[in-house]
Protein backbone atom coordinates (compact mmCIF):
# COMPACT_ATOMS: atom_id res chain seq x y z
CA MET A 1 75.39 82.00 50.96
CA GLN A 2 74.50 80.05 53.75
CA LYS A 3 77.20 78.36 54.59
CA ASN A 4 79.03 81.90 54.22
CA LYS A 5 76.63 83.40 56.67
CA SER A 6 77.17 80.42 59.20
CA GLY A 7 80.42 80.74 59.05
CA GLY A 8 80.42 84.71 59.59
CA ILE A 9 78.61 83.70 63.00
CA GLY A 10 80.71 81.15 64.05
CA GLU A 11 84.02 83.86 64.04
CA THR A 12 82.01 86.16 65.81
CA ILE A 13 81.23 83.71 68.38
CA LYS A 14 85.18 83.05 68.55
CA THR A 15 86.40 86.25 68.79
CA VAL A 16 83.79 86.75 71.84
CA VAL A 17 84.80 83.90 73.29
CA TYR A 18 88.68 84.84 72.44
CA ALA A 19 88.04 88.28 74.15
CA VAL A 20 86.36 87.35 77.12
CA VAL A 21 89.52 84.51 78.01
CA ILE A 22 91.70 87.43 77.32
CA ALA A 23 89.75 90.07 79.92
CA PHE A 24 89.30 87.04 81.77
CA GLY A 25 92.92 86.39 81.52
CA VAL A 26 94.39 90.18 82.00
CA ARG A 27 92.03 90.83 85.40
CA THR A 28 92.88 87.32 86.69
CA PHE A 29 96.97 87.89 86.34
CA ALA A 30 97.61 91.59 85.51
CA TYR A 31 95.77 94.81 86.09
CA GLU A 32 92.28 95.22 87.48
CA PRO A 33 90.74 98.41 87.44
CA PHE A 34 88.97 99.78 90.85
CA ASN A 35 87.23 103.37 91.64
CA ILE A 36 87.30 105.04 94.91
CA PRO A 37 84.13 105.47 96.92
CA SER A 38 84.92 106.81 99.87
CA GLY A 39 87.29 109.45 101.41
CA SER A 40 89.64 107.50 103.72
CA MET A 41 92.68 107.46 101.57
CA ILE A 42 92.07 111.47 101.22
CA PRO A 43 94.80 113.06 100.26
CA THR A 44 96.24 109.89 97.97
CA LEU A 45 93.51 109.00 96.76
CA LEU A 46 90.42 111.05 95.88
CA VAL A 47 86.66 110.10 95.91
CA GLY A 48 86.06 109.27 92.00
CA ASP A 49 89.70 108.49 91.41
CA TYR A 50 89.80 105.34 89.18
CA LEU A 51 93.31 103.16 89.06
CA PHE A 52 94.61 99.94 88.18
CA VAL A 53 95.78 97.24 91.04
CA SER A 54 98.72 94.77 89.84
CA LYS A 55 97.25 91.38 90.24
CA PHE A 56 101.41 89.76 90.42
CA SER A 57 102.66 92.30 92.50
CA TYR A 58 102.25 89.71 95.41
CA GLY A 59 101.47 86.69 93.77
CA TYR A 60 97.62 84.88 93.48
CA SER A 61 95.14 83.70 95.88
CA ARG A 62 91.70 82.52 94.99
CA TYR A 63 90.43 86.54 95.41
CA THR A 64 92.56 87.57 92.87
CA VAL A 65 91.47 85.41 90.49
CA ALA A 66 88.47 87.06 88.13
CA PHE A 67 85.20 86.99 90.02
CA GLY A 68 86.69 85.13 92.62
CA ALA A 69 86.12 82.20 91.71
CA PRO A 70 87.61 79.53 94.50
CA VAL A 71 90.38 78.09 92.00
CA PHE A 72 93.02 77.31 94.66
CA ASP A 73 93.51 77.82 98.50
CA GLY A 74 96.30 79.83 99.60
CA ARG A 75 99.05 81.89 97.72
CA VAL A 76 101.39 80.89 95.02
CA LEU A 77 104.10 83.14 93.32
CA TYR A 78 104.08 85.16 96.67
CA THR A 79 105.82 88.74 97.10
CA LYS A 80 105.71 89.71 100.08
CA PRO A 81 104.31 93.56 100.56
CA GLU A 82 106.62 96.44 101.76
CA ARG A 83 105.74 98.63 103.88
CA GLY A 84 104.17 101.78 102.58
CA ASP A 85 102.04 99.81 99.74
CA VAL A 86 98.76 100.87 99.09
CA ALA A 87 96.93 97.58 98.44
CA VAL A 88 93.35 96.55 97.60
CA PHE A 89 92.50 93.61 100.13
CA LYS A 90 89.04 91.76 100.69
CA LEU A 91 87.29 92.44 103.46
CA PRO A 92 88.57 89.67 106.34
CA ARG A 93 85.00 90.10 107.83
CA ASP A 94 83.11 89.06 104.80
CA ASN A 95 85.68 87.84 102.08
CA LYS A 96 83.80 89.94 99.29
CA THR A 97 83.98 93.54 100.23
CA ASP A 98 87.30 95.46 98.65
CA TYR A 99 89.07 97.56 100.21
CA ILE A 100 92.36 99.83 99.86
CA LYS A 101 94.85 100.93 102.48
CA ARG A 102 98.34 101.39 103.22
CA ILE A 103 99.88 98.59 104.65
CA ILE A 104 101.58 99.83 108.01
CA GLY A 105 102.51 96.83 109.90
CA LEU A 106 104.44 93.88 108.52
CA PRO A 107 104.13 90.29 110.25
CA GLY A 108 105.67 90.65 114.04
CA ASP A 109 105.34 94.18 114.06
CA ARG A 110 104.16 96.52 116.95
CA ILE A 111 101.73 99.04 116.07
CA GLN A 112 100.03 101.31 118.18
CA MET A 113 98.41 105.25 117.86
CA ILE A 114 99.62 107.74 120.77
CA GLY A 115 98.33 110.96 120.58
CA GLY A 116 97.81 110.96 116.88
CA ILE A 117 101.56 109.44 116.00
CA LEU A 118 101.74 106.80 114.64
CA HIS A 119 104.43 104.12 116.20
CA ILE A 120 106.03 100.91 115.09
CA ASN A 121 108.21 98.54 117.20
CA GLY A 122 108.02 100.99 120.27
CA GLU A 123 109.60 104.14 117.84
CA ALA A 124 107.33 107.12 116.70
CA VAL A 125 107.18 107.66 113.12
CA LYS A 126 108.25 110.86 112.12
CA ARG A 127 105.65 113.27 110.19
CA ASP A 128 105.94 116.33 109.10
CA ARG A 129 103.68 119.66 109.00
CA VAL A 130 103.02 120.85 105.34
CA GLU A 131 100.47 123.06 103.82
CA ASP A 132 96.92 122.47 104.98
CA PHE A 133 94.69 120.19 102.73
CA VAL A 134 91.57 121.68 101.38
CA THR A 135 88.21 120.18 101.32
CA THR A 136 84.97 119.84 101.69
CA ASP A 137 82.60 118.76 104.70
CA GLN A 138 79.01 116.86 104.62
CA PHE A 139 77.70 119.95 104.37
CA GLY A 140 79.54 121.13 101.00
CA ARG A 141 81.32 123.75 102.97
CA GLN A 142 84.95 124.14 102.18
CA ILE A 143 87.40 123.29 104.99
CA ARG A 144 91.17 123.15 106.17
CA VAL A 145 92.65 119.83 107.03
CA ALA A 146 96.39 119.64 108.44
CA GLN A 147 98.31 117.66 106.24
CA TYR A 148 101.50 115.74 107.29
CA VAL A 149 104.59 114.39 105.29
CA GLU A 150 104.92 110.95 107.03
CA THR A 151 107.89 109.08 106.81
CA LEU A 152 108.51 105.06 107.70
CA PRO A 153 110.99 103.38 109.12
CA ASN A 154 111.86 101.94 105.65
CA GLY A 155 112.00 105.54 103.86
CA ARG A 156 108.54 105.31 102.21
CA LYS A 157 107.02 108.71 102.62
CA HIS A 158 103.60 109.67 102.44
CA ARG A 159 101.07 112.38 103.17
CA ILE A 160 98.38 111.95 105.34
CA ILE A 161 95.49 114.10 106.96
CA GLU A 162 94.51 114.70 110.43
CA GLU A 163 91.42 116.64 112.00
CA SER A 164 92.83 116.72 115.51
CA ASP A 165 95.72 114.30 117.32
CA THR A 166 92.62 113.61 119.84
CA GLY A 167 89.97 111.33 118.08
CA SER A 168 89.14 107.80 118.93
CA LEU A 169 91.63 106.30 116.74
CA ASP A 170 94.65 108.43 117.79
CA ASN A 171 95.22 106.61 121.00
CA THR A 172 95.20 102.99 120.89
CA GLN A 173 96.36 99.32 122.31
CA VAL A 174 99.44 98.20 121.13
CA TYR A 175 98.67 95.62 118.13
CA THR A 176 100.99 92.81 117.71
CA VAL A 177 100.76 91.95 113.85
CA PRO A 178 100.48 88.00 113.34
CA GLU A 179 102.27 85.59 111.03
CA ASP A 180 100.61 85.77 107.68
CA HIS A 181 98.67 88.87 108.79
CA PHE A 182 99.28 92.59 107.83
CA PHE A 183 98.07 95.77 109.77
CA ALA A 184 96.47 98.20 107.07
CA MET A 185 95.95 102.16 107.62
CA GLY A 186 93.96 104.97 106.00
CA ASP A 187 95.62 108.06 105.21
CA ASN A 188 92.55 109.94 106.60
CA ARG A 189 93.60 109.03 109.94
CA ASP A 190 90.47 110.25 111.52
CA ASN A 191 87.88 109.24 108.89
CA SER A 192 89.39 105.55 108.28
CA LEU A 193 87.97 101.77 109.02
CA ASP A 194 90.90 100.06 109.27
CA SER A 195 93.10 97.35 110.92
CA ARG A 196 92.51 99.75 114.07
CA VAL A 197 88.97 98.73 114.26
CA SER A 198 89.19 95.03 115.23
CA SER A 199 85.62 94.10 115.43
CA MET A 200 85.28 95.51 111.63
CA VAL A 201 88.62 95.38 109.66
CA GLY A 202 91.71 93.76 111.84
CA PHE A 203 94.29 92.36 110.35
CA VAL A 204 94.31 91.30 107.01
CA PRO A 205 95.45 87.56 105.66
CA VAL A 206 98.05 87.11 103.42
CA GLU A 207 95.16 85.51 101.40
CA ASN A 208 93.07 88.58 101.57
CA LEU A 209 95.55 90.82 99.25
CA VAL A 210 94.28 91.41 95.91
CA GLY A 211 97.04 93.29 94.54
CA ARG A 212 98.72 96.83 95.14
CA ALA A 213 97.76 99.76 93.60
CA GLU A 214 99.77 101.15 90.72
CA PHE A 215 98.36 104.54 88.82
CA LEU A 216 95.37 106.32 88.06
CA PHE A 217 93.60 106.48 84.75
CA PHE A 218 90.86 108.39 85.51
CA SER A 219 89.75 110.81 87.82
CA ILE A 220 86.43 112.46 88.57
CA ASP A 221 85.09 115.14 90.76
CA GLU A 222 82.95 113.56 93.75
CA GLY A 223 78.93 113.93 92.92
CA SER A 224 79.86 113.20 89.14
CA SER A 225 79.87 110.07 87.50
CA PHE A 226 82.23 108.35 84.94
CA TRP A 227 79.17 107.67 82.61
CA GLU A 228 78.09 111.46 82.50
CA PHE A 229 80.69 112.08 79.99
CA TRP A 230 78.99 115.24 79.49
CA LYS A 231 80.45 116.45 82.44
CA TRP A 232 83.46 115.76 81.58
CA PRO A 233 85.32 118.95 80.78
CA TRP A 234 84.36 120.17 84.10
CA ALA A 235 84.20 117.69 86.31
CA VAL A 236 87.01 115.48 85.40
CA ARG A 237 90.55 115.57 87.10
CA PHE A 238 92.69 115.99 84.14
CA GLY A 239 96.22 116.55 86.03
CA ARG A 240 95.37 113.64 88.60
CA ILE A 241 95.32 111.30 85.56
CA PHE A 242 97.95 108.72 85.12
CA ASP A 243 99.47 110.03 88.49
CA GLY A 244 101.69 106.86 90.15
CA VAL A 245 100.12 106.07 93.54
CA ASN A 246 102.50 106.73 96.21
């Protein structure tokens, strides 16, 4: 009996170890879950969205390894991000905080905002007015915000919102993206701390890329928590689950 008991404990330990190794491998080399804590990517991503990020999309660096283990420097199996990708990266200022923004500028690009209009390499990016985006302000009041479909030079389309075209980030200097860096912006153009703010975010080094946002696996109203399952029938945004991130 004692031998069987010991064998059972040993099998349990091995199972746990295997599970940890598999989880570590999936998190490092395949997919990692993230949740959206702020509104900087509205209307594409909402507070309370949970999504999977593909680690293999851009290859691997020390920041794609689970728990940030400093296994190696640089990037291996690198595939360059495409303009318009929604990417997770480590904030260059501390190399720890996860940020999610849209890749707007590639190495060598010149990026500028003029009157709320994005300019890439001296050319205005086309934006088309669509229906207003309905959201709530900090006081819980329902408001309408101007919404546009922006078409990037490579043909990628995505939605943005603009409270005005005269905000502090709607008229900027020209940013020239350095080699091996990217320029990232939020789709909520007037409420996004991004590469336009050099002192806080600035250009994103290629090494800091974590992965590309792929699809939502859960979404719950702002103010509710994932673990509050008793609220799910009313709070879960069922229509967003399994939506791809465009």
